[in-house]
Amino acid sequence: MAIALDNLRVGRRYVLVNQGEVRKLEIMARLHGDNFKVKDLETLEYYTIEELLQWGKGKDYDLDEIR
């Protein structure tokens, strides 16, 4: 079951699956509302959650914490 965006915590790591893409992310900062600045742990690029979800949530959407 996916974690709600408002339950994400700065400094924690998560795996995001959406529309066939799998990304391992670290939350860097909370911007506004449910938007966060995130760092892709594989490419080291920075995104916002809004950028990653701008095309909607697919049938395979899942967001879980990496332990």
N, C-alpha and C. Protein backbone atom coordinates (compact mmCIF):
# COMPACT_ATOMS: atom_id res chain seq x y z
N MET A 1 0.84 -1.17 0.00
CA MET A 1 0.00 0.00 0.00
C MET A 1 0.89 1.24 0.00
N ALA A 2 0.55 2.21 -0.80
CA ALA A 2 1.35 3.42 -0.97
C ALA A 2 1.22 4.35 0.24
N ILE A 3 2.31 5.01 0.54
CA ILE A 3 2.32 6.03 1.60
C ILE A 3 1.72 7.31 1.03
N ALA A 4 0.92 8.00 1.81
CA ALA A 4 0.36 9.29 1.39
C ALA A 4 1.48 10.33 1.35
N LEU A 5 1.41 11.26 0.42
CA LEU A 5 2.45 12.27 0.26
C LEU A 5 2.63 13.12 1.52
N ASP A 6 1.58 13.36 2.27
CA ASP A 6 1.72 14.19 3.47
C ASP A 6 2.41 13.45 4.61
N ASN A 7 2.71 12.15 4.43
CA ASN A 7 3.43 11.38 5.44
C ASN A 7 4.92 11.26 5.15
N LEU A 8 5.40 11.87 4.06
CA LEU A 8 6.82 11.82 3.74
C LEU A 8 7.60 12.69 4.72
N ARG A 9 8.82 12.27 5.03
CA ARG A 9 9.66 12.99 5.99
C ARG A 9 10.99 13.34 5.38
N VAL A 10 11.47 14.55 5.65
CA VAL A 10 12.76 15.02 5.15
C VAL A 10 13.86 14.13 5.71
N GLY A 11 14.79 13.75 4.83
CA GLY A 11 15.92 12.91 5.22
C GLY A 11 15.67 11.42 5.05
N ARG A 12 14.46 11.02 4.83
CA ARG A 12 14.13 9.60 4.66
C ARG A 12 14.22 9.23 3.18
N ARG A 13 14.37 7.93 2.93
CA ARG A 13 14.49 7.42 1.56
C ARG A 13 13.27 6.57 1.21
N TYR A 14 12.85 6.71 -0.05
CA TYR A 14 11.64 6.04 -0.52
C TYR A 14 11.87 5.47 -1.91
N VAL A 15 11.08 4.47 -2.27
CA VAL A 15 11.06 3.97 -3.63
C VAL A 15 9.70 4.32 -4.22
N LEU A 16 9.72 4.94 -5.40
CA LEU A 16 8.51 5.37 -6.10
C LEU A 16 8.37 4.58 -7.38
N VAL A 17 7.24 3.90 -7.53
CA VAL A 17 6.92 3.18 -8.77
C VAL A 17 5.71 3.88 -9.36
N ASN A 18 5.84 4.31 -10.62
CA ASN A 18 4.72 4.98 -11.28
C ASN A 18 4.88 4.85 -12.79
N GLN A 19 3.87 4.34 -13.44
CA GLN A 19 3.80 4.19 -14.88
C GLN A 19 5.04 3.50 -15.44
N GLY A 20 5.44 2.42 -14.79
CA GLY A 20 6.54 1.61 -15.28
C GLY A 20 7.93 2.07 -14.87
N GLU A 21 8.04 3.21 -14.24
CA GLU A 21 9.33 3.73 -13.80
C GLU A 21 9.52 3.46 -12.31
N VAL A 22 10.72 3.06 -11.94
CA VAL A 22 11.06 2.83 -10.54
C VAL A 22 12.17 3.81 -10.18
N ARG A 23 11.95 4.61 -9.14
CA ARG A 23 12.95 5.59 -8.71
C ARG A 23 13.16 5.46 -7.21
N LYS A 24 14.42 5.49 -6.81
CA LYS A 24 14.77 5.54 -5.40
C LYS A 24 15.09 7.00 -5.08
N LEU A 25 14.39 7.54 -4.09
CA LEU A 25 14.45 8.97 -3.80
C LEU A 25 14.80 9.23 -2.35
N GLU A 26 15.45 10.37 -2.12
CA GLU A 26 15.65 10.88 -0.77
C GLU A 26 14.97 12.23 -0.70
N ILE A 27 14.17 12.45 0.33
CA ILE A 27 13.46 13.72 0.50
C ILE A 27 14.45 14.75 1.05
N MET A 28 14.65 15.84 0.32
CA MET A 28 15.62 16.86 0.71
C MET A 28 14.97 18.02 1.47
N ALA A 29 13.77 18.43 1.04
CA ALA A 29 13.09 19.56 1.69
C ALA A 29 11.61 19.53 1.35
N ARG A 30 10.81 20.07 2.26
CA ARG A 30 9.38 20.25 2.00
C ARG A 30 9.21 21.64 1.43
N LEU A 31 8.55 21.75 0.29
CA LEU A 31 8.39 23.04 -0.37
C LEU A 31 7.08 23.70 0.05
N HIS A 32 5.97 23.23 -0.45
CA HIS A 32 4.66 23.75 -0.07
C HIS A 32 3.62 22.67 -0.27
N GLY A 33 2.67 22.62 0.63
CA GLY A 33 1.62 21.60 0.54
C GLY A 33 2.21 20.21 0.52
N ASP A 34 1.87 19.44 -0.51
CA ASP A 34 2.37 18.08 -0.66
C ASP A 34 3.54 18.01 -1.64
N ASN A 35 4.22 19.12 -1.88
CA ASN A 35 5.35 19.13 -2.81
C ASN A 35 6.66 19.09 -2.03
N PHE A 36 7.59 18.27 -2.52
CA PHE A 36 8.88 18.09 -1.88
C PHE A 36 9.99 18.19 -2.91
N LYS A 37 11.16 18.64 -2.50
CA LYS A 37 12.36 18.56 -3.31
C LYS A 37 12.97 17.20 -3.01
N VAL A 38 13.24 16.41 -4.05
CA VAL A 38 13.77 15.07 -3.87
C VAL A 38 15.05 14.88 -4.68
N LYS A 39 15.89 13.97 -4.21
CA LYS A 39 17.13 13.62 -4.90
C LYS A 39 17.01 12.18 -5.37
N ASP A 40 17.20 11.96 -6.65
CA ASP A 40 17.21 10.61 -7.21
C ASP A 40 18.51 9.94 -6.78
N LEU A 41 18.44 8.84 -6.07
CA LEU A 41 19.63 8.19 -5.51
C LEU A 41 20.46 7.45 -6.55
N GLU A 42 19.92 7.24 -7.73
CA GLU A 42 20.68 6.55 -8.78
C GLU A 42 21.35 7.52 -9.74
N THR A 43 20.65 8.61 -10.11
CA THR A 43 21.22 9.57 -11.06
C THR A 43 21.76 10.82 -10.36
N LEU A 44 21.43 10.99 -9.08
CA LEU A 44 21.83 12.15 -8.27
C LEU A 44 21.23 13.47 -8.76
N GLU A 45 20.16 13.38 -9.58
CA GLU A 45 19.45 14.57 -10.04
C GLU A 45 18.42 14.98 -9.00
N TYR A 46 18.05 16.26 -9.03
CA TYR A 46 17.04 16.78 -8.13
C TYR A 46 15.75 17.03 -8.91
N TYR A 47 14.62 16.68 -8.28
CA TYR A 47 13.29 16.87 -8.85
C TYR A 47 12.37 17.39 -7.76
N THR A 48 11.14 17.66 -8.14
CA THR A 48 10.08 17.85 -7.15
C THR A 48 9.09 16.71 -7.34
N ILE A 49 8.36 16.42 -6.30
CA ILE A 49 7.33 15.37 -6.41
C ILE A 49 6.31 15.74 -7.49
N GLU A 50 5.98 17.02 -7.59
CA GLU A 50 5.02 17.45 -8.63
C GLU A 50 5.53 17.11 -10.02
N GLU A 51 6.83 17.26 -10.28
CA GLU A 51 7.39 16.92 -11.58
C GLU A 51 7.27 15.42 -11.86
N LEU A 52 7.49 14.61 -10.85
CA LEU A 52 7.42 13.16 -11.04
C LEU A 52 6.00 12.66 -11.23
N LEU A 53 5.03 13.38 -10.69
CA LEU A 53 3.63 12.95 -10.79
C LEU A 53 2.79 13.82 -11.73
N GLN A 54 3.44 14.65 -12.53
CA GLN A 54 2.70 15.59 -13.38
C GLN A 54 1.80 14.91 -14.42
N TRP A 55 2.10 13.69 -14.80
CA TRP A 55 1.27 12.98 -15.78
C TRP A 55 0.28 12.05 -15.11
N GLY A 56 0.14 12.15 -13.79
CA GLY A 56 -0.84 11.37 -13.07
C GLY A 56 -0.24 10.13 -12.44
N LYS A 57 -1.06 9.44 -11.69
CA LYS A 57 -0.65 8.21 -11.02
C LYS A 57 -1.19 7.03 -11.82
N GLY A 58 -0.29 6.14 -12.22
CA GLY A 58 -0.68 4.97 -13.00
C GLY A 58 -1.25 3.86 -12.13
N LYS A 59 -1.66 2.79 -12.78
CA LYS A 59 -2.22 1.64 -12.07
C LYS A 59 -1.18 1.00 -11.15
N ASP A 60 0.09 1.15 -11.49
CA ASP A 60 1.16 0.52 -10.71
C ASP A 60 1.75 1.44 -9.64
N TYR A 61 1.12 2.60 -9.38
CA TYR A 61 1.65 3.58 -8.43
C TYR A 61 1.86 2.97 -7.05
N ASP A 62 3.07 3.16 -6.52
CA ASP A 62 3.39 2.71 -5.19
C ASP A 62 4.50 3.59 -4.63
N LEU A 63 4.43 3.92 -3.38
CA LEU A 63 5.43 4.74 -2.70
C LEU A 63 5.67 4.14 -1.33
N ASP A 64 6.88 3.61 -1.11
CA ASP A 64 7.20 2.94 0.15
C ASP A 64 8.56 3.39 0.63
N GLU A 65 8.73 3.38 1.96
CA GLU A 65 10.00 3.75 2.55
C GLU A 65 11.02 2.63 2.39
N ILE A 66 12.26 3.01 2.10
CA ILE A 66 13.36 2.05 2.04
C ILE A 66 13.89 1.91 3.46
N ARG A 67 13.95 0.70 3.95
CA ARG A 67 14.41 0.48 5.33
C ARG A 67 15.82 -0.01 5.36
